[in-house]
Every structure is written in C-alpha cells, then in structure tokens.
C-alpha cells in the first residue's frame, strides 16, 4: 500500500488544560507512539530523562509540566 504524507497542525491538550501546538505526521512505525523533533523540544525548553521515562516541558505561560509513562 503506497504511503501518503499528510501534514496538519493541531493542539494537544491534557486534563489539566495545558495545550501544545504540534505538527503531526502519520508513519507506519509500530515501535513508536510519537516522534518529537528537536525544534519542538527547543521551543518547549524540554528536558528528556530516558531512564525515568519523563519529559519536562515549559508551557507558554512558563508553567512546568512533567510528562511520565510506565
């Protein structure tokens, strides 16, 4: 099946009301939930801790958000 690149901007929010503008692209990778680009990480002053499975992000209002997974 041929793949087609589809790009669109969307806002991702969580139950706490924090929103982040993202540019999502669909890939046929089963190994990854999401691929985060360096430019996006820089904009959000991200700290990525792979050992603890945690990403710390700065919101537009300078609040800090911790994103963790199991």
C-alpha atoms as a PDB file:
ATOM      1  CA  UNK A   1       0.000   0.000   0.000  1.00  0.00           C
ATOM      2  CA  UNK A   2       1.576   3.329  -1.004  1.00  0.00           C
ATOM      3  CA  UNK A   3       2.130   5.804   1.787  1.00  0.00           C
ATOM      4  CA  UNK A   4       0.959   9.398   1.550  1.00  0.00           C
ATOM      5  CA  UNK A   5       2.334  12.260   3.607  1.00  0.00           C
ATOM      6  CA  UNK A   6      -0.409  14.135   5.430  1.00  0.00           C
ATOM      7  CA  UNK A   7       0.587  17.180   7.462  1.00  0.00           C
ATOM      8  CA  UNK A   8      -1.583  19.330   9.685  1.00  0.00           C
ATOM      9  CA  UNK A   9      -1.199  21.488  12.768  1.00  0.00           C
ATOM     10  CA  UNK A  10      -3.182  20.556  15.831  1.00  0.00           C
ATOM     11  CA  UNK A  11      -3.244  21.368  19.514  1.00  0.00           C
ATOM     12  CA  UNK A  12      -2.699  18.635  22.055  1.00  0.00           C
ATOM     13  CA  UNK A  13      -4.148  19.221  25.499  1.00  0.00           C
ATOM     14  CA  UNK A  14      -4.467  17.226  28.685  1.00  0.00           C
ATOM     15  CA  UNK A  15      -6.986  17.121  31.554  1.00  0.00           C
ATOM     16  CA  UNK A  16      -5.074  19.900  33.338  1.00  0.00           C
ATOM     17  CA  UNK A  17      -5.748  22.254  30.428  1.00  0.00           C
ATOM     18  CA  UNK A  18      -2.199  22.635  29.113  1.00  0.00           C
ATOM     19  CA  UNK A  19      -2.058  22.969  25.326  1.00  0.00           C
ATOM     20  CA  UNK A  20       0.843  22.446  22.945  1.00  0.00           C
ATOM     21  CA  UNK A  21       0.853  23.179  19.220  1.00  0.00           C
ATOM     22  CA  UNK A  22       2.140  20.125  17.349  1.00  0.00           C
ATOM     23  CA  UNK A  23       2.725  19.243  13.715  1.00  0.00           C
ATOM     24  CA  UNK A  24       1.777  15.567  13.450  1.00  0.00           C
ATOM     25  CA  UNK A  25       2.690  13.236  10.603  1.00  0.00           C
ATOM     26  CA  UNK A  26       1.424   9.672  10.288  1.00  0.00           C
ATOM     27  CA  UNK A  27       4.110   6.996   9.872  1.00  0.00           C
ATOM     28  CA  UNK A  28       3.703   3.246   9.692  1.00  0.00           C
ATOM     29  CA  UNK A  29       6.042   2.560  12.645  1.00  0.00           C
ATOM     30  CA  UNK A  30       4.675   0.180  15.247  1.00  0.00           C
ATOM     31  CA  UNK A  31       7.631   0.732  17.565  1.00  0.00           C
ATOM     32  CA  UNK A  32       6.934   4.399  18.358  1.00  0.00           C
ATOM     33  CA  UNK A  33       3.969   6.247  19.883  1.00  0.00           C
ATOM     34  CA  UNK A  34       5.265   9.620  18.729  1.00  0.00           C
ATOM     35  CA  UNK A  35       8.461  11.120  17.332  1.00  0.00           C
ATOM     36  CA  UNK A  36       9.305  14.520  18.812  1.00  0.00           C
ATOM     37  CA  UNK A  37      11.538  16.814  16.749  1.00  0.00           C
ATOM     38  CA  UNK A  38      14.444  18.791  18.158  1.00  0.00           C
ATOM     39  CA  UNK A  39      12.872  22.102  17.086  1.00  0.00           C
ATOM     40  CA  UNK A  40       9.714  21.334  19.110  1.00  0.00           C
ATOM     41  CA  UNK A  41      11.785  20.260  22.124  1.00  0.00           C
ATOM     42  CA  UNK A  42      13.790  23.501  21.957  1.00  0.00           C
ATOM     43  CA  UNK A  43      10.655  25.679  21.764  1.00  0.00           C
ATOM     44  CA  UNK A  44       9.311  23.999  24.910  1.00  0.00           C
ATOM     45  CA  UNK A  45      12.675  24.038  26.715  1.00  0.00           C
ATOM     46  CA  UNK A  46      12.323  20.271  27.169  1.00  0.00           C
ATOM     47  CA  UNK A  47      14.376  18.082  29.468  1.00  0.00           C
ATOM     48  CA  UNK A  48      14.232  14.431  28.391  1.00  0.00           C
ATOM     49  CA  UNK A  49      15.099  11.787  31.006  1.00  0.00           C
ATOM     50  CA  UNK A  50      15.037   8.383  29.302  1.00  0.00           C
ATOM     51  CA  UNK A  51      15.964   6.458  32.465  1.00  0.00           C
ATOM     52  CA  UNK A  52      12.952   7.806  34.365  1.00  0.00           C
ATOM     53  CA  UNK A  53      10.737   7.871  31.224  1.00  0.00           C
ATOM     54  CA  UNK A  54       9.987  11.545  31.848  1.00  0.00           C
ATOM     55  CA  UNK A  55       9.873  14.722  29.768  1.00  0.00           C
ATOM     56  CA  UNK A  56       9.727  18.122  31.461  1.00  0.00           C
ATOM     57  CA  UNK A  57       8.164  20.874  29.308  1.00  0.00           C
ATOM     58  CA  UNK A  58       7.710  24.605  29.750  1.00  0.00           C
ATOM     59  CA  UNK A  59       4.256  25.921  28.798  1.00  0.00           C
ATOM     60  CA  UNK A  60       3.582  29.241  27.075  1.00  0.00           C
ATOM     61  CA  UNK A  61       2.765  30.784  30.483  1.00  0.00           C
ATOM     62  CA  UNK A  62       6.112  29.470  31.862  1.00  0.00           C
ATOM     63  CA  UNK A  63       4.450  26.763  33.973  1.00  0.00           C
ATOM     64  CA  UNK A  64       6.312  23.447  34.080  1.00  0.00           C
ATOM     65  CA  UNK A  65       4.633  20.192  33.014  1.00  0.00           C
ATOM     66  CA  UNK A  66       6.043  16.729  33.755  1.00  0.00           C
ATOM     67  CA  UNK A  67       5.047  14.011  31.275  1.00  0.00           C
ATOM     68  CA  UNK A  68       5.705  10.492  32.586  1.00  0.00           C
ATOM     69  CA  UNK A  69       4.957   6.987  31.363  1.00  0.00           C
ATOM     70  CA  UNK A  70       5.141   3.467  32.768  1.00  0.00           C
END
